[in-house]
N, C-alpha and C. Protein backbone atom coordinates (compact mmCIF):
# COMPACT_ATOMS: atom_id res chain seq x y z
N MET A 1 74.99 -23.68 -20.00
CA MET A 1 74.49 -23.87 -20.53
C MET A 1 75.57 -23.78 -21.83
N ILE A 2 75.84 -24.74 -23.20
CA ILE A 2 76.59 -24.45 -23.87
C ILE A 2 76.15 -24.10 -25.17
N ILE A 3 76.58 -23.22 -25.94
CA ILE A 3 76.21 -23.23 -27.72
C ILE A 3 77.08 -23.25 -28.67
N GLU A 4 76.78 -24.10 -29.89
CA GLU A 4 77.32 -23.70 -30.50
C GLU A 4 76.92 -22.59 -31.52
N LEU A 5 77.29 -22.13 -32.22
CA LEU A 5 76.70 -21.11 -33.46
C LEU A 5 78.27 -20.89 -34.15
N THR A 6 77.40 -19.61 -35.82
CA THR A 6 78.60 -19.11 -36.13
C THR A 6 78.22 -17.75 -36.40
N VAL A 7 79.72 -17.18 -36.40
CA VAL A 7 80.11 -16.10 -36.46
C VAL A 7 79.50 -15.52 -38.12
N VAL A 8 79.38 -14.60 -38.38
CA VAL A 8 79.06 -13.54 -39.96
C VAL A 8 79.49 -12.11 -39.73
N PRO A 9 81.19 -12.12 -39.14
CA PRO A 9 81.71 -10.62 -38.89
C PRO A 9 81.80 -10.07 -40.43
N ASN A 10 81.76 -8.42 -39.88
CA ASN A 10 81.66 -7.60 -40.83
C ASN A 10 80.94 -7.11 -41.58
N SER A 11 79.24 -7.96 -41.24
CA SER A 11 77.56 -7.94 -42.51
C SER A 11 77.57 -7.06 -42.51
N GLY A 12 77.67 -6.13 -41.90
CA GLY A 12 76.86 -4.54 -42.05
C GLY A 12 75.74 -4.94 -40.72
N LYS A 13 75.20 -5.69 -40.50
CA LYS A 13 73.78 -5.65 -39.63
C LYS A 13 74.13 -6.86 -38.56
N LEU A 14 73.60 -6.28 -37.27
CA LEU A 14 74.18 -6.94 -36.08
C LEU A 14 72.34 -8.16 -35.38
N LYS A 15 72.59 -9.50 -36.08
CA LYS A 15 71.33 -9.91 -35.46
C LYS A 15 71.81 -11.65 -35.24
N PHE A 16 70.56 -12.19 -34.72
CA PHE A 16 70.68 -13.80 -34.63
C PHE A 16 69.38 -13.85 -35.83
N PHE A 17 69.90 -15.53 -35.92
CA PHE A 17 69.70 -15.99 -37.03
C PHE A 17 69.74 -17.55 -36.89
N ILE A 18 68.29 -18.55 -37.59
CA ILE A 18 68.73 -20.02 -37.89
C ILE A 18 68.59 -19.78 -39.22
N ASP A 19 69.49 -21.01 -39.47
CA ASP A 19 69.88 -20.97 -41.21
C ASP A 19 69.30 -22.36 -41.40
N LYS A 20 68.84 -22.85 -42.54
CA LYS A 20 68.24 -23.46 -43.21
C LYS A 20 68.37 -25.30 -42.41
N SER A 21 69.52 -25.61 -42.15
CA SER A 21 70.26 -26.59 -41.37
C SER A 21 69.90 -26.47 -39.50
N GLY A 22 69.63 -25.65 -39.52
CA GLY A 22 68.64 -25.50 -38.19
C GLY A 22 70.06 -24.57 -36.97
N LEU A 23 71.12 -24.27 -37.74
CA LEU A 23 72.25 -23.92 -36.42
C LEU A 23 72.04 -22.23 -36.37
N LEU A 24 72.26 -22.32 -35.50
CA LEU A 24 72.76 -20.82 -35.12
C LEU A 24 73.74 -19.91 -35.60
N LYS A 25 73.09 -18.74 -35.76
CA LYS A 25 74.32 -17.64 -36.81
C LYS A 25 74.19 -16.48 -36.43
N CYS A 26 75.24 -15.77 -35.85
CA CYS A 26 74.79 -14.25 -35.57
C CYS A 26 75.80 -13.59 -36.46
N TYR A 27 75.28 -12.64 -37.47
CA TYR A 27 75.74 -11.25 -37.74
C TYR A 27 76.18 -10.48 -36.96
N LEU A 28 77.13 -9.97 -37.65
CA LEU A 28 77.88 -8.60 -36.52
C LEU A 28 78.80 -7.83 -37.61
N LYS A 29 78.84 -6.25 -36.68
CA LYS A 29 78.65 -5.40 -37.40
C LYS A 29 80.57 -5.38 -37.85
N SER A 30 81.00 -5.64 -36.19
CA SER A 30 82.96 -5.86 -36.39
C SER A 30 83.62 -6.69 -37.05
N THR A 31 85.10 -6.07 -37.39
CA THR A 31 85.87 -6.72 -38.19
C THR A 31 86.12 -8.07 -37.19
N PRO A 32 86.80 -8.93 -37.96
CA PRO A 32 87.32 -10.21 -36.97
C PRO A 32 89.05 -10.06 -36.61
N GLU A 33 88.95 -8.42 -36.44
CA GLU A 33 90.75 -7.91 -35.97
C GLU A 33 91.16 -7.96 -34.44
N LYS A 34 91.54 -7.93 -33.62
CA LYS A 34 92.07 -8.18 -32.33
C LYS A 34 90.98 -8.66 -31.56
N GLY A 35 90.20 -9.31 -31.54
CA GLY A 35 89.15 -9.84 -30.79
C GLY A 35 88.06 -8.88 -30.99
N ARG A 36 87.55 -7.94 -31.97
CA ARG A 36 86.63 -7.15 -31.63
C ARG A 36 85.31 -7.70 -32.40
N ALA A 37 85.39 -8.63 -33.44
CA ALA A 37 83.93 -9.34 -33.42
C ALA A 37 83.60 -10.07 -32.24
N ASN A 38 84.68 -10.61 -31.45
CA ASN A 38 83.76 -11.37 -30.32
C ASN A 38 83.51 -10.78 -29.67
N GLU A 39 84.48 -9.57 -28.62
CA GLU A 39 83.87 -8.25 -27.59
C GLU A 39 82.50 -8.51 -28.38
N GLU A 40 82.23 -7.58 -29.87
CA GLU A 40 80.78 -7.53 -29.94
C GLU A 40 79.78 -8.61 -29.78
N LEU A 41 80.06 -9.62 -30.24
CA LEU A 41 79.22 -10.63 -29.95
C LEU A 41 78.61 -10.93 -28.40
N VAL A 42 80.12 -10.89 -27.32
CA VAL A 42 79.17 -11.04 -25.88
C VAL A 42 78.78 -9.84 -25.81
N LYS A 43 78.65 -8.85 -26.37
CA LYS A 43 78.24 -7.28 -25.63
C LYS A 43 76.80 -7.85 -26.24
N PHE A 44 76.64 -8.09 -27.59
CA PHE A 44 75.06 -8.12 -28.19
C PHE A 44 74.66 -9.72 -27.52
N MET A 45 75.09 -10.42 -27.10
CA MET A 45 74.27 -11.26 -26.48
C MET A 45 73.85 -11.36 -24.89
N ALA A 46 74.58 -10.72 -24.46
CA ALA A 46 74.35 -10.51 -23.00
C ALA A 46 73.61 -9.57 -22.92
N LYS A 47 73.48 -8.21 -24.16
CA LYS A 47 72.06 -7.16 -24.18
C LYS A 47 71.17 -8.03 -24.43
N SER A 48 70.48 -9.21 -25.24
CA SER A 48 69.73 -9.56 -25.71
C SER A 48 69.13 -10.48 -24.99
N LEU A 49 70.66 -11.66 -23.58
CA LEU A 49 69.61 -12.15 -22.67
C LEU A 49 69.49 -11.22 -21.81
N LYS A 50 69.51 -9.66 -21.79
CA LYS A 50 69.33 -9.48 -20.56
C LYS A 50 70.25 -9.63 -19.21
N ILE A 51 71.62 -10.57 -19.71
CA ILE A 51 72.57 -10.80 -18.35
C ILE A 51 73.69 -9.60 -18.18
N GLN A 52 74.99 -10.08 -17.12
CA GLN A 52 75.84 -9.52 -17.64
C GLN A 52 76.73 -10.16 -18.47
N GLN A 53 77.68 -9.54 -19.05
CA GLN A 53 78.79 -9.56 -20.07
C GLN A 53 80.23 -10.92 -19.60
N ARG A 54 80.09 -10.84 -18.25
CA ARG A 54 80.78 -11.81 -17.63
C ARG A 54 80.49 -12.94 -17.51
N SER A 55 79.04 -13.28 -17.55
CA SER A 55 78.38 -14.61 -17.49
C SER A 55 78.39 -15.67 -19.01
N ILE A 56 79.05 -14.74 -19.66
CA ILE A 56 78.91 -15.13 -21.22
C ILE A 56 80.77 -15.80 -21.13
N THR A 57 80.90 -16.98 -21.70
CA THR A 57 82.74 -16.94 -21.88
C THR A 57 82.69 -17.80 -23.46
N ILE A 58 83.60 -17.16 -24.47
CA ILE A 58 83.88 -18.49 -25.52
C ILE A 58 84.80 -19.35 -24.67
N ILE A 59 84.68 -20.44 -24.62
CA ILE A 59 85.30 -21.31 -24.71
C ILE A 59 86.17 -22.17 -26.08
N SER A 60 85.98 -22.23 -27.24
CA SER A 60 86.47 -22.27 -28.04
C SER A 60 86.52 -21.52 -29.53
N GLY A 61 86.98 -21.76 -30.35
CA GLY A 61 86.78 -20.73 -31.80
C GLY A 61 87.10 -19.23 -31.29
N HIS A 62 87.98 -18.82 -30.79
CA HIS A 62 88.17 -17.32 -30.65
C HIS A 62 89.11 -16.65 -31.64
N THR A 63 89.95 -17.55 -32.88
CA THR A 63 89.84 -17.35 -34.05
C THR A 63 89.26 -17.51 -35.18
N SER A 64 88.05 -18.64 -34.99
CA SER A 64 87.15 -18.77 -35.94
C SER A 64 85.73 -18.54 -35.80
N ARG A 65 85.21 -18.97 -37.49
CA ARG A 65 84.25 -18.39 -37.46
C ARG A 65 83.18 -19.23 -36.49
N LYS A 66 83.18 -20.64 -36.21
CA LYS A 66 82.25 -21.50 -35.63
C LYS A 66 82.77 -21.41 -34.50
N LYS A 67 81.80 -21.39 -33.27
CA LYS A 67 81.72 -20.83 -31.64
C LYS A 67 81.98 -21.57 -30.66
N ARG A 68 82.23 -21.97 -29.43
CA ARG A 68 81.69 -22.80 -28.39
C ARG A 68 81.36 -22.02 -27.62
N ILE A 69 80.19 -21.31 -26.92
CA ILE A 69 80.02 -20.39 -25.86
C ILE A 69 79.66 -21.04 -24.52
N LYS A 70 79.63 -20.79 -23.52
CA LYS A 70 79.07 -20.81 -22.26
C LYS A 70 78.54 -19.38 -21.75
N ILE A 71 77.17 -20.16 -21.14
CA ILE A 71 76.58 -19.37 -20.78
C ILE A 71 75.72 -19.11 -19.23
N GLU A 72 76.12 -18.46 -18.44
CA GLU A 72 75.95 -19.16 -17.12
C GLU A 72 74.11 -18.70 -16.78
N LEU A 73 73.25 -19.33 -17.69
CA LEU A 73 72.09 -19.16 -17.29
C LEU A 73 71.00 -20.24 -17.24
N GLU A 74 70.22 -20.49 -16.20
CA GLU A 74 69.43 -21.78 -16.41
C GLU A 74 68.01 -21.64 -17.09
N ILE A 75 68.48 -21.56 -18.23
CA ILE A 75 66.66 -21.67 -18.93
C ILE A 75 67.33 -23.09 -20.25
N ASP A 76 65.88 -23.56 -20.27
CA ASP A 76 65.75 -24.40 -21.42
C ASP A 76 66.03 -23.34 -22.80
N GLN A 77 66.05 -24.24 -23.95
CA GLN A 77 66.76 -24.12 -25.12
C GLN A 77 65.24 -22.97 -25.66
N LYS A 78 64.50 -23.36 -25.84
CA LYS A 78 63.23 -22.42 -26.12
C LYS A 78 63.03 -21.51 -25.74
N GLU A 79 63.57 -21.34 -24.54
CA GLU A 79 63.71 -19.72 -24.00
C GLU A 79 64.85 -18.43 -24.47
N PHE A 80 65.79 -20.05 -24.56
CA PHE A 80 67.05 -18.80 -25.37
C PHE A 80 67.13 -18.46 -26.19
N LEU A 81 66.02 -19.23 -27.08
CA LEU A 81 65.58 -18.65 -28.62
C LEU A 81 65.04 -17.42 -28.77
N ASN A 82 64.03 -17.61 -27.88
CA ASN A 82 62.56 -16.19 -27.74
C ASN A 82 63.38 -15.16 -27.22
N LEU A 83 64.70 -15.08 -26.25
CA LEU A 83 65.19 -14.01 -25.85
C LEU A 83 66.17 -13.47 -26.81
N LEU A 84 66.38 -14.40 -27.58
CA LEU A 84 67.53 -13.42 -29.26
C LEU A 84 66.48 -13.57 -30.10
N GLY A 85 65.01 -13.86 -29.71
CA GLY A 85 64.43 -12.93 -30.41
C GLY A 85 64.22 -14.10 -32.19
N LEU A 86 64.55 -15.21 -31.71
CA LEU A 86 63.50 -16.56 -32.88
C LEU A 86 62.85 -16.95 -33.09
């Protein structure tokens, strides 16, 4: 499964959200320095989906707020959003 999302680093909160246009956003507490926000994103997503961190790979957007992520998990989009609490 490959998903696209926008990351909001240094937001003071940690949660997933769907904006008005239907895009997935992830608010992170970490700053976007030295890959901290990317690490927090992977850890938070793995915990939410109840999978190991190595099952999640950032494909593109390592230094951008817009990211494409590959998740090694066989579920549909509805189940995915449900696991994220959306």
